[in-house]
C-alpha atoms as a PDB file:
ATOM      1  CA  MET A   1     -49.624  56.229  45.615  1.00  0.00           C
ATOM      2  CA  THR A   2     -45.884  57.854  43.686  1.00  0.00           C
ATOM      3  CA  ILE A   3     -44.358  58.191  40.459  1.00  0.00           C
ATOM      4  CA  GLU A   4     -44.008  55.201  39.448  1.00  0.00           C
ATOM      5  CA  PHE A   5     -41.803  55.713  37.262  1.00  0.00           C
ATOM      6  CA  SER A   6     -40.175  58.976  35.354  1.00  0.00           C
ATOM      7  CA  MET A   7     -38.993  59.272  31.525  1.00  0.00           C
ATOM      8  CA  ILE A   8     -37.007  61.075  29.027  1.00  0.00           C
ATOM      9  CA  ALA A   9     -38.775  60.938  25.973  1.00  0.00           C
ATOM     10  CA  PRO A  10     -37.423  62.614  22.161  1.00  0.00           C
ATOM     11  CA  HIS A  11     -40.073  64.490  20.618  1.00  0.00           C
ATOM     12  CA  VAL A  12     -38.403  64.924  17.362  1.00  0.00           C
ATOM     13  CA  PRO A  13     -41.390  66.163  14.433  1.00  0.00           C
ATOM     14  CA  SER A  14     -39.924  63.280  12.180  1.00  0.00           C
ATOM     15  CA  MET A  15     -41.160  60.775  15.174  1.00  0.00           C
ATOM     16  CA  CYS A  16     -45.307  62.308  15.146  1.00  0.00           C
ATOM     17  CA  HIS A  17     -46.594  59.599  12.144  1.00  0.00           C
ATOM     18  CA  GLU A  18     -45.032  56.103  13.074  1.00  0.00           C
ATOM     19  CA  LYS A  19     -45.098  55.249   8.907  1.00  0.00           C
ATOM     20  CA  ASP A  20     -42.801  58.761   8.481  1.00  0.00           C
ATOM     21  CA  VAL A  21     -40.519  57.023  11.291  1.00  0.00           C
ATOM     22  CA  PRO A  22     -36.646  57.196   9.775  1.00  0.00           C
ATOM     23  CA  GLU A  23     -34.470  54.423   9.485  1.00  0.00           C
ATOM     24  CA  PHE A  24     -31.977  56.586  12.829  1.00  0.00           C
ATOM     25  CA  GLN A  25     -35.262  56.623  14.366  1.00  0.00           C
ATOM     26  CA  LYS A  26     -36.793  53.520  14.475  1.00  0.00           C
ATOM     27  CA  ASP A  27     -35.382  52.646  17.736  1.00  0.00           C
ATOM     28  CA  MET A  28     -36.844  55.148  19.706  1.00  0.00           C
ATOM     29  CA  ALA A  29     -41.111  55.007  18.073  1.00  0.00           C
ATOM     30  CA  ALA A  30     -41.020  51.404  18.483  1.00  0.00           C
ATOM     31  CA  GLY A  31     -38.713  52.186  22.362  1.00  0.00           C
ATOM     32  CA  MET A  32     -41.876  54.432  23.049  1.00  0.00           C
ATOM     33  CA  LYS A  33     -44.241  51.512  22.268  1.00  0.00           C
ATOM     34  CA  VAL A  34     -42.798  49.306  24.138  1.00  0.00           C
ATOM     35  CA  VAL A  35     -42.846  51.880  27.434  1.00  0.00           C
ATOM     36  CA  ALA A  36     -46.550  52.775  25.605  1.00  0.00           C
ATOM     37  CA  GLN A  37     -47.916  49.353  27.392  1.00  0.00           C
ATOM     38  CA  GLN A  38     -45.055  49.824  30.381  1.00  0.00           C
ATOM     39  CA  ILE A  39     -48.049  52.866  31.462  1.00  0.00           C
ATOM     40  CA  LYS A  40     -51.157  50.660  30.469  1.00  0.00           C
ATOM     41  CA  GLU A  41     -49.844  48.376  32.437  1.00  0.00           C
ATOM     42  CA  ILE A  42     -49.035  50.245  35.211  1.00  0.00           C
ATOM     43  CA  LYS A  43     -52.603  53.184  34.677  1.00  0.00           C
ATOM     44  CA  PRO A  44     -51.429  56.467  36.589  1.00  0.00           C
ATOM     45  CA  ASP A  45     -54.149  57.906  37.245  1.00  0.00           C
ATOM     46  CA  THR A  46     -52.183  61.618  35.673  1.00  0.00           C
ATOM     47  CA  ILE A  47     -49.371  62.227  32.790  1.00  0.00           C
ATOM     48  CA  VAL A  48     -47.626  65.202  33.991  1.00  0.00           C
ATOM     49  CA  LEU A  49     -45.230  66.403  31.528  1.00  0.00           C
ATOM     50  CA  VAL A  50     -42.038  68.667  30.927  1.00  0.00           C
ATOM     51  CA  SER A  51     -42.240  70.385  27.343  1.00  0.00           C
ATOM     52  CA  CYS A  52     -38.738  71.816  25.747  1.00  0.00           C
ATOM     53  CA  HIS A  53     -41.298  73.399  23.283  1.00  0.00           C
ATOM     54  CA  TRP A  54     -43.351  74.937  25.537  1.00  0.00           C
ATOM     55  CA  PRO A  55     -40.767  78.144  26.378  1.00  0.00           C
ATOM     56  CA  SER A  56     -42.587  79.992  29.343  1.00  0.00           C
ATOM     57  CA  THR A  57     -40.510  83.642  29.444  1.00  0.00           C
ATOM     58  CA  PHE A  58     -41.038  84.419  33.131  1.00  0.00           C
ATOM     59  CA  PHE A  59     -43.637  82.622  34.799  1.00  0.00           C
ATOM     60  CA  HIS A  60     -43.805  78.300  35.599  1.00  0.00           C
ATOM     61  CA  TYR A  61     -46.753  77.297  34.428  1.00  0.00           C
ATOM     62  CA  VAL A  62     -49.122  74.601  35.049  1.00  0.00           C
ATOM     63  CA  ASP A  63     -51.559  73.641  32.616  1.00  0.00           C
ATOM     64  CA  CYS A  64     -55.023  73.478  34.571  1.00  0.00           C
ATOM     65  CA  THR A  65     -57.056  73.004  32.180  1.00  0.00           C
ATOM     66  CA  PRO A  66     -59.660  70.591  32.834  1.00  0.00           C
ATOM     67  CA  VAL A  67     -59.739  69.466  28.585  1.00  0.00           C
ATOM     68  CA  HIS A  68     -56.989  69.347  26.069  1.00  0.00           C
ATOM     69  CA  LYS A  69     -58.272  69.376  22.868  1.00  0.00           C
ATOM     70  CA  GLY A  70     -57.255  71.098  19.488  1.00  0.00           C
ATOM     71  CA  ILE A  71     -55.601  70.682  16.022  1.00  0.00           C
ATOM     72  CA  LEU A  72     -51.550  70.896  16.015  1.00  0.00           C
ATOM     73  CA  THR A  73     -49.537  72.980  13.367  1.00  0.00           C
ATOM     74  CA  ALA A  74     -46.180  73.251  14.178  1.00  0.00           C
ATOM     75  CA  PHE A  75     -45.178  76.529  13.253  1.00  0.00           C
ATOM     76  CA  GLU A  76     -41.232  74.735  12.763  1.00  0.00           C
ATOM     77  CA  ALA A  77     -42.599  72.385  10.845  1.00  0.00           C
ATOM     78  CA  PRO A  78     -45.839  71.887   9.166  1.00  0.00           C
ATOM     79  CA  ASP A  79     -44.023  69.750   7.050  1.00  0.00           C
ATOM     80  CA  LEU A  80     -43.787  67.703   8.969  1.00  0.00           C
ATOM     81  CA  ILE A  81     -46.584  67.978  11.592  1.00  0.00           C
ATOM     82  CA  LYS A  82     -50.333  69.385  10.444  1.00  0.00           C
ATOM     83  CA  ASP A  83     -53.842  69.189  11.387  1.00  0.00           C
ATOM     84  CA  VAL A  84     -52.599  66.395  13.895  1.00  0.00           C
ATOM     85  CA  PRO A  85     -55.902  66.345  16.726  1.00  0.00           C
ATOM     86  CA  TYR A  86     -55.441  65.248  20.451  1.00  0.00           C
ATOM     87  CA  ASN A  87     -57.973  64.988  22.983  1.00  0.00           C
ATOM     88  CA  PHE A  88     -56.826  64.208  26.121  1.00  0.00           C
ATOM     89  CA  PRO A  89     -58.490  64.890  30.086  1.00  0.00           C
ATOM     90  CA  GLY A  90     -56.570  66.887  31.289  1.00  0.00           C
ATOM     91  CA  ASP A  91     -56.344  66.832  35.852  1.00  0.00           C
ATOM     92  CA  GLU A  92     -57.567  69.681  37.321  1.00  0.00           C
ATOM     93  CA  GLU A  93     -57.206  68.826  40.792  1.00  0.00           C
ATOM     94  CA  LEU A  94     -53.390  68.101  41.000  1.00  0.00           C
ATOM     95  CA  ALA A  95     -52.548  70.383  38.774  1.00  0.00           C
ATOM     96  CA  ALA A  96     -53.900  73.623  41.069  1.00  0.00           C
ATOM     97  CA  GLN A  97     -52.043  71.577  44.055  1.00  0.00           C
ATOM     98  CA  LEU A  98     -48.953  71.993  42.557  1.00  0.00           C
ATOM     99  CA  VAL A  99     -49.475  75.270  42.129  1.00  0.00           C
ATOM    100  CA  LYS A 100     -50.458  75.820  45.302  1.00  0.00           C
ATOM    101  CA  ALA A 101     -46.789  74.327  45.983  1.00  0.00           C
ATOM    102  CA  GLY A 102     -45.185  76.106  44.451  1.00  0.00           C
ATOM    103  CA  GLU A 103     -46.217  79.616  45.604  1.00  0.00           C
ATOM    104  CA  GLU A 104     -45.764  78.226  48.658  1.00  0.00           C
ATOM    105  CA  ALA A 105     -41.794  77.751  47.822  1.00  0.00           C
ATOM    106  CA  GLY A 106     -41.488  81.221  47.068  1.00  0.00           C
ATOM    107  CA  LEU A 107     -41.257  80.129  43.271  1.00  0.00           C
ATOM    108  CA  GLN A 108     -43.032  82.457  40.400  1.00  0.00           C
ATOM    109  CA  VAL A 109     -45.388  79.799  39.894  1.00  0.00           C
ATOM    110  CA  GLN A 110     -49.092  80.158  37.631  1.00  0.00           C
ATOM    111  CA  GLY A 111     -51.660  78.117  36.490  1.00  0.00           C
ATOM    112  CA  VAL A 112     -53.376  77.952  33.238  1.00  0.00           C
ATOM    113  CA  ASN A 113     -56.522  77.141  32.425  1.00  0.00           C
ATOM    114  CA  ASP A 114     -57.625  78.132  29.333  1.00  0.00           C
ATOM    115  CA  PRO A 115     -59.618  75.597  26.541  1.00  0.00           C
ATOM    116  CA  TYR A 116     -58.177  77.676  24.044  1.00  0.00           C
ATOM    117  CA  TYR A 117     -54.338  76.925  24.110  1.00  0.00           C
ATOM    118  CA  LEU A 118     -52.847  74.848  21.880  1.00  0.00           C
ATOM    119  CA  TRP A 119     -50.717  72.928  22.390  1.00  0.00           C
ATOM    120  CA  ASP A 120     -46.905  72.538  21.348  1.00  0.00           C
ATOM    121  CA  TYR A 121     -45.309  68.860  18.969  1.00  0.00           C
ATOM    122  CA  GLY A 122     -43.377  68.440  21.979  1.00  0.00           C
ATOM    123  CA  SER A 123     -46.852  67.357  23.958  1.00  0.00           C
ATOM    124  CA  VAL A 124     -48.223  65.987  21.104  1.00  0.00           C
ATOM    125  CA  VAL A 125     -46.023  63.657  19.723  1.00  0.00           C
ATOM    126  CA  PRO A 126     -43.866  61.540  22.311  1.00  0.00           C
ATOM    127  CA  LEU A 127     -47.419  61.654  23.912  1.00  0.00           C
ATOM    128  CA  ARG A 128     -49.338  59.809  20.313  1.00  0.00           C
ATOM    129  CA  TYR A 129     -47.076  57.382  21.441  1.00  0.00           C
ATOM    130  CA  LEU A 130     -47.026  57.129  26.213  1.00  0.00           C
ATOM    131  CA  ASN A 131     -51.042  57.724  25.586  1.00  0.00           C
ATOM    132  CA  PRO A 132     -52.315  56.433  22.281  1.00  0.00           C
ATOM    133  CA  GLU A 133     -55.410  55.692  23.679  1.00  0.00           C
ATOM    134  CA  GLU A 134     -54.885  59.281  25.550  1.00  0.00           C
ATOM    135  CA  ASN A 135     -57.763  58.167  27.851  1.00  0.00           C
ATOM    136  CA  ILE A 136     -54.875  59.078  30.923  1.00  0.00           C
ATOM    137  CA  PRO A 137     -55.239  63.164  32.156  1.00  0.00           C
ATOM    138  CA  VAL A 138     -52.291  64.710  30.725  1.00  0.00           C
ATOM    139  CA  ILE A 139     -50.657  67.940  33.524  1.00  0.00           C
ATOM    140  CA  ASN A 140     -48.210  70.142  30.832  1.00  0.00           C
ATOM    141  CA  LEU A 141     -45.559  72.081  32.656  1.00  0.00           C
ATOM    142  CA  SER A 142     -43.755  74.995  31.186  1.00  0.00           C
ATOM    143  CA  VAL A 143     -39.488  75.592  30.810  1.00  0.00           C
ATOM    144  CA  THR A 144     -39.151  78.278  32.152  1.00  0.00           C
ATOM    145  CA  LEU A 145     -36.020  80.812  30.273  1.00  0.00           C
ATOM    146  CA  ALA A 146     -35.799  83.313  33.379  1.00  0.00           C
ATOM    147  CA  ALA A 147     -34.994  80.939  36.012  1.00  0.00           C
ATOM    148  CA  SER A 148     -31.948  79.487  35.955  1.00  0.00           C
ATOM    149  CA  ILE A 149     -30.813  75.194  36.304  1.00  0.00           C
ATOM    150  CA  GLU A 150     -31.088  76.353  39.974  1.00  0.00           C
ATOM    151  CA  GLU A 151     -34.306  77.668  40.543  1.00  0.00           C
ATOM    152  CA  THR A 152     -35.729  74.637  37.804  1.00  0.00           C
ATOM    153  CA  TYR A 153     -34.387  71.434  40.245  1.00  0.00           C
ATOM    154  CA  LYS A 154     -36.364  73.409  42.857  1.00  0.00           C
ATOM    155  CA  TRP A 155     -39.323  73.712  41.076  1.00  0.00           C
ATOM    156  CA  GLY A 156     -38.602  69.883  39.832  1.00  0.00           C
ATOM    157  CA  GLN A 157     -38.070  69.126  43.890  1.00  0.00           C
ATOM    158  CA  GLN A 158     -41.408  70.593  45.026  1.00  0.00           C
ATOM    159  CA  ILE A 159     -43.490  69.353  42.402  1.00  0.00           C
ATOM    160  CA  ALA A 160     -41.774  65.063  42.976  1.00  0.00           C
ATOM    161  CA  LYS A 161     -42.765  66.803  47.222  1.00  0.00           C
ATOM    162  CA  VAL A 162     -46.179  67.113  45.364  1.00  0.00           C
ATOM    163  CA  LEU A 163     -46.392  63.959  43.650  1.00  0.00           C
ATOM    164  CA  HIS A 164     -45.026  62.014  46.129  1.00  0.00           C
ATOM    165  CA  GLU A 165     -47.742  62.330  49.195  1.00  0.00           C
ATOM    166  CA  THR A 166     -50.996  62.732  46.665  1.00  0.00           C
ATOM    167  CA  ASP A 167     -52.833  59.216  46.393  1.00  0.00           C
ATOM    168  CA  LYS A 168     -52.907  58.604  42.484  1.00  0.00           C
ATOM    169  CA  LYS A 169     -50.149  57.067  40.575  1.00  0.00           C
ATOM    170  CA  VAL A 170     -48.266  58.916  38.704  1.00  0.00           C
ATOM    171  CA  VAL A 171     -45.919  58.882  35.667  1.00  0.00           C
ATOM    172  CA  PHE A 172     -43.774  61.905  35.114  1.00  0.00           C
ATOM    173  CA  VAL A 173     -42.195  62.702  31.346  1.00  0.00           C
ATOM    174  CA  SER A 174     -39.602  65.400  30.964  1.00  0.00           C
ATOM    175  CA  SER A 175     -39.833  65.723  26.413  1.00  0.00           C
ATOM    176  CA  GLY A 176     -36.020  66.806  25.482  1.00  0.00           C
ATOM    177  CA  ALA A 177     -32.955  66.008  24.064  1.00  0.00           C
ATOM    178  CA  LEU A 178     -29.738  66.091  24.866  1.00  0.00           C
ATOM    179  CA  SER A 179     -27.033  68.046  22.658  1.00  0.00           C
ATOM    180  CA  HIS A 180     -29.311  70.004  20.582  1.00  0.00           C
ATOM    181  CA  ASN A 181     -27.258  72.231  18.102  1.00  0.00           C
ATOM    182  CA  LEU A 182     -29.406  71.863  15.871  1.00  0.00           C
ATOM    183  CA  VAL A 183     -28.187  71.387  11.735  1.00  0.00           C
ATOM    184  CA  ARG A 184     -30.190  70.976   8.379  1.00  0.00           C
ATOM    185  CA  GLY A 185     -30.406  67.269   7.947  1.00  0.00           C
ATOM    186  CA  ARG A 186     -32.161  65.292  10.345  1.00  0.00           C
ATOM    187  CA  HIS A 187     -29.546  62.400   9.747  1.00  0.00           C
ATOM    188  CA  ASN A 188     -26.284  64.163  10.914  1.00  0.00           C
ATOM    189  CA  LYS A 189     -25.170  63.415  14.734  1.00  0.00           C
ATOM    190  CA  PRO A 190     -23.630  66.193  17.369  1.00  0.00           C
ATOM    191  CA  THR A 191     -20.048  67.238  16.945  1.00  0.00           C
ATOM    192  CA  VAL A 192     -17.525  64.847  18.760  1.00  0.00           C
ATOM    193  CA  THR A 193     -17.480  66.907  21.600  1.00  0.00           C
ATOM    194  CA  GLU A 194     -20.702  67.007  22.059  1.00  0.00           C
ATOM    195  CA  HIS A 195     -21.428  63.494  21.681  1.00  0.00           C
ATOM    196  CA  ALA A 196     -18.595  62.492  24.284  1.00  0.00           C
ATOM    197  CA  MET A 197     -20.557  64.647  26.581  1.00  0.00           C
ATOM    198  CA  ASP A 198     -23.635  63.547  25.566  1.00  0.00           C
ATOM    199  CA  LYS A 199     -22.308  60.051  27.072  1.00  0.00           C
ATOM    200  CA  GLN A 200     -20.507  60.697  29.960  1.00  0.00           C
ATOM    201  CA  PHE A 201     -23.964  62.971  31.140  1.00  0.00           C
ATOM    202  CA  LEU A 202     -25.538  59.200  30.351  1.00  0.00           C
ATOM    203  CA  GLU A 203     -22.990  57.576  32.085  1.00  0.00           C
ATOM    204  CA  PHE A 204     -23.530  59.047  35.481  1.00  0.00           C
ATOM    205  CA  VAL A 205     -27.532  58.732  34.510  1.00  0.00           C
ATOM    206  CA  MET A 206     -26.711  55.122  33.693  1.00  0.00           C
ATOM    207  CA  ASN A 207     -25.008  53.908  37.524  1.00  0.00           C
ATOM    208  CA  ARG A 208     -27.221  56.475  39.218  1.00  0.00           C
ATOM    209  CA  ASP A 209     -25.453  58.857  39.897  1.00  0.00           C
ATOM    210  CA  PHE A 210     -27.561  61.506  39.484  1.00  0.00           C
ATOM    211  CA  GLN A 211     -26.089  64.263  41.751  1.00  0.00           C
ATOM    212  CA  SER A 212     -23.377  64.283  39.202  1.00  0.00           C
ATOM    213  CA  ALA A 213     -25.683  64.505  36.237  1.00  0.00           C
ATOM    214  CA  TYR A 214     -26.999  67.389  38.335  1.00  0.00           C
ATOM    215  CA  ALA A 215     -23.550  68.932  38.654  1.00  0.00           C
ATOM    216  CA  MET A 216     -22.593  68.691  35.487  1.00  0.00           C
ATOM    217  CA  LEU A 217     -25.831  70.413  33.825  1.00  0.00           C
ATOM    218  CA  PRO A 218     -24.574  73.872  33.992  1.00  0.00           C
ATOM    219  CA  GLU A 219     -21.807  73.615  31.661  1.00  0.00           C
ATOM    220  CA  TYR A 220     -22.895  70.463  29.506  1.00  0.00           C
ATOM    221  CA  ALA A 221     -25.349  72.485  29.214  1.00  0.00           C
ATOM    222  CA  ARG A 222     -23.646  75.249  27.745  1.00  0.00           C
ATOM    223  CA  LEU A 223     -20.792  73.386  25.279  1.00  0.00           C
ATOM    224  CA  ALA A 224     -23.304  71.610  24.124  1.00  0.00           C
ATOM    225  CA  ARG A 225     -26.372  73.582  23.493  1.00  0.00           C
ATOM    226  CA  VAL A 226     -28.848  71.318  25.339  1.00  0.00           C
ATOM    227  CA  GLU A 227     -32.197  71.512  24.524  1.00  0.00           C
ATOM    228  CA  SER A 228     -33.563  74.221  26.564  1.00  0.00           C
ATOM    229  CA  GLY A 229     -30.831  75.235  28.182  1.00  0.00           C
ATOM    230  CA  GLY A 230     -31.000  71.848  29.278  1.00  0.00           C
ATOM    231  CA  ARG A 231     -33.845  72.657  31.960  1.00  0.00           C
ATOM    232  CA  HIS A 232     -36.772  69.580  31.587  1.00  0.00           C
ATOM    233  CA  LEU A 233     -33.142  67.462  32.533  1.00  0.00           C
ATOM    234  CA  ALA A 234     -33.351  68.996  35.468  1.00  0.00           C
ATOM    235  CA  MET A 235     -36.345  68.634  36.630  1.00  0.00           C
ATOM    236  CA  LEU A 236     -36.320  64.868  35.555  1.00  0.00           C
ATOM    237  CA  LEU A 237     -33.169  64.671  37.684  1.00  0.00           C
ATOM    238  CA  SER A 238     -35.141  66.258  41.339  1.00  0.00           C
ATOM    239  CA  MET A 239     -37.266  63.366  40.576  1.00  0.00           C
ATOM    240  CA  LEU A 240     -34.650  61.237  40.929  1.00  0.00           C
ATOM    241  CA  ASP A 241     -32.912  58.976  44.060  1.00  0.00           C
ATOM    242  CA  LYS A 242     -30.683  56.317  44.553  1.00  0.00           C
ATOM    243  CA  GLU A 243     -34.033  54.124  44.448  1.00  0.00           C
ATOM    244  CA  CYS A 244     -34.665  54.186  40.881  1.00  0.00           C
ATOM    245  CA  LYS A 245     -33.106  52.110  38.525  1.00  0.00           C
ATOM    246  CA  PRO A 246     -32.507  53.434  34.690  1.00  0.00           C
ATOM    247  CA  THR A 247     -33.437  51.233  31.619  1.00  0.00           C
ATOM    248  CA  PHE A 248     -32.782  51.924  28.547  1.00  0.00           C
ATOM    249  CA  PHE A 249     -34.449  51.319  25.520  1.00  0.00           C
ATOM    250  CA  ALA A 250     -32.994  53.677  22.555  1.00  0.00           C
ATOM    251  CA  ASP A 251     -31.578  56.532  20.872  1.00  0.00           C
ATOM    252  CA  GLY A 252     -30.439  58.884  17.979  1.00  0.00           C
ATOM    253  CA  GLN A 253     -29.783  61.915  16.078  1.00  0.00           C
ATOM    254  CA  SER A 254     -32.144  63.756  15.199  1.00  0.00           C
ATOM    255  CA  SER A 255     -30.983  67.548  13.034  1.00  0.00           C
ATOM    256  CA  GLY A 256     -27.958  67.559  14.923  1.00  0.00           C
ATOM    257  CA  SER A 257     -29.230  66.656  17.934  1.00  0.00           C
ATOM    258  CA  TRP A 258     -29.037  63.701  20.101  1.00  0.00           C
ATOM    259  CA  ASN A 259     -32.127  61.924  21.930  1.00  0.00           C
ATOM    260  CA  VAL A 260     -32.963  59.543  24.699  1.00  0.00           C
ATOM    261  CA  LEU A 261     -35.432  57.314  25.494  1.00  0.00           C
ATOM    262  CA  ILE A 262     -35.124  56.369  29.104  1.00  0.00           C
ATOM    263  CA  THR A 263     -36.992  55.716  32.352  1.00  0.00           C
ATOM    264  CA  PHE A 264     -36.392  56.105  35.672  1.00  0.00           C
ATOM    265  CA  SER A 265     -38.135  52.740  38.149  1.00  0.00           C
ATOM    266  CA  LYS A 266     -38.336  51.480  41.481  1.00  0.00           C
ATOM    267  CA  ILE A 267     -39.606  48.528  40.137  1.00  0.00           C
ATOM    268  CA  THR A 268     -36.982  46.161  37.902  1.00  0.00           C
ATOM    269  CA  ALA A 269     -37.566  46.942  34.164  1.00  0.00           C
ATOM    270  CA  PRO A 270     -37.473  43.457  32.134  1.00  0.00           C
ATOM    271  CA  ALA A 271     -33.604  42.021  31.819  1.00  0.00           C
ATOM    272  CA  ASN A 272     -34.434  42.230  28.535  1.00  0.00           C
ATOM    273  CA  HIS A 273     -34.233  46.133  28.171  1.00  0.00           C
ATOM    274  CA  LEU A 274     -31.506  46.876  29.891  1.00  0.00           C
ATOM    275  CA  LEU A 275     -27.923  47.063  27.537  1.00  0.00           C
ATOM    276  CA  THR A 276     -24.560  47.189  29.032  1.00  0.00           C
ATOM    277  CA  GLU A 277     -23.017  50.994  30.225  1.00  0.00           C
ATOM    278  CA  ASN A 278     -20.898  50.550  26.168  1.00  0.00           C
ATOM    279  CA  GLU A 279     -23.796  50.065  24.568  1.00  0.00           C
ATOM    280  CA  PHE A 280     -25.747  52.862  25.931  1.00  0.00           C
ATOM    281  CA  ALA A 281     -22.037  54.687  24.724  1.00  0.00           C
ATOM    282  CA  GLN A 282     -21.311  53.903  21.335  1.00  0.00           C
END
């Protein structure tokens, strides 16, 4: 099989409980539910998700645990995410293949198989929308702070190779924001300068100029303080080629960050979900 589609998804804490989503984030929540229906129709065998809230120091970690079960209270935002249960199957076999591929490429990759490892909200929040029935196996990946964007991209290429060669249908999720220079007040947007860089990055992405998007990533990450130093975006871009058609669903602010929901598929998406360049850049 192959990667059915890839996506960048928001994980803002205020989206954890749909009833509490503020007005300026409701489009993202609604878009996530539409994508969830697409995922349900595809019936993927596995979701592979890299979360900006699993920041590992030295190693690229792959969660090989056969069952992901726990109760999450987010240490960053216990007022918004408290006592949230989750129970997802894992994919131990495919996760082990990813670890092996990373090791053979000379990368510092390790598998984690620990039923007591507690998921972060960068994993739990988007999956509450994308896999609400908790019936699709999930493999989590860390973002590695000692790894450069270039190394992370190379790791992503190894992941993509395994996922394209597997006999399983896979959805890849990059869970994280664009500009991420946080301030108090969830209603606040990025600065004009930061958001101009968001718009340029999105223009490259929507025009399928993925190489230019990757080329601007180091300076973009530094100047706009992109979440996780842009590593989750490097991994996403490593999954994409000219055959991948972007579909823009929604965007919105959260405490000075900018968040987007975009899918990338080799299957033409429904026309009513597409936005023009001017619309997504507003």
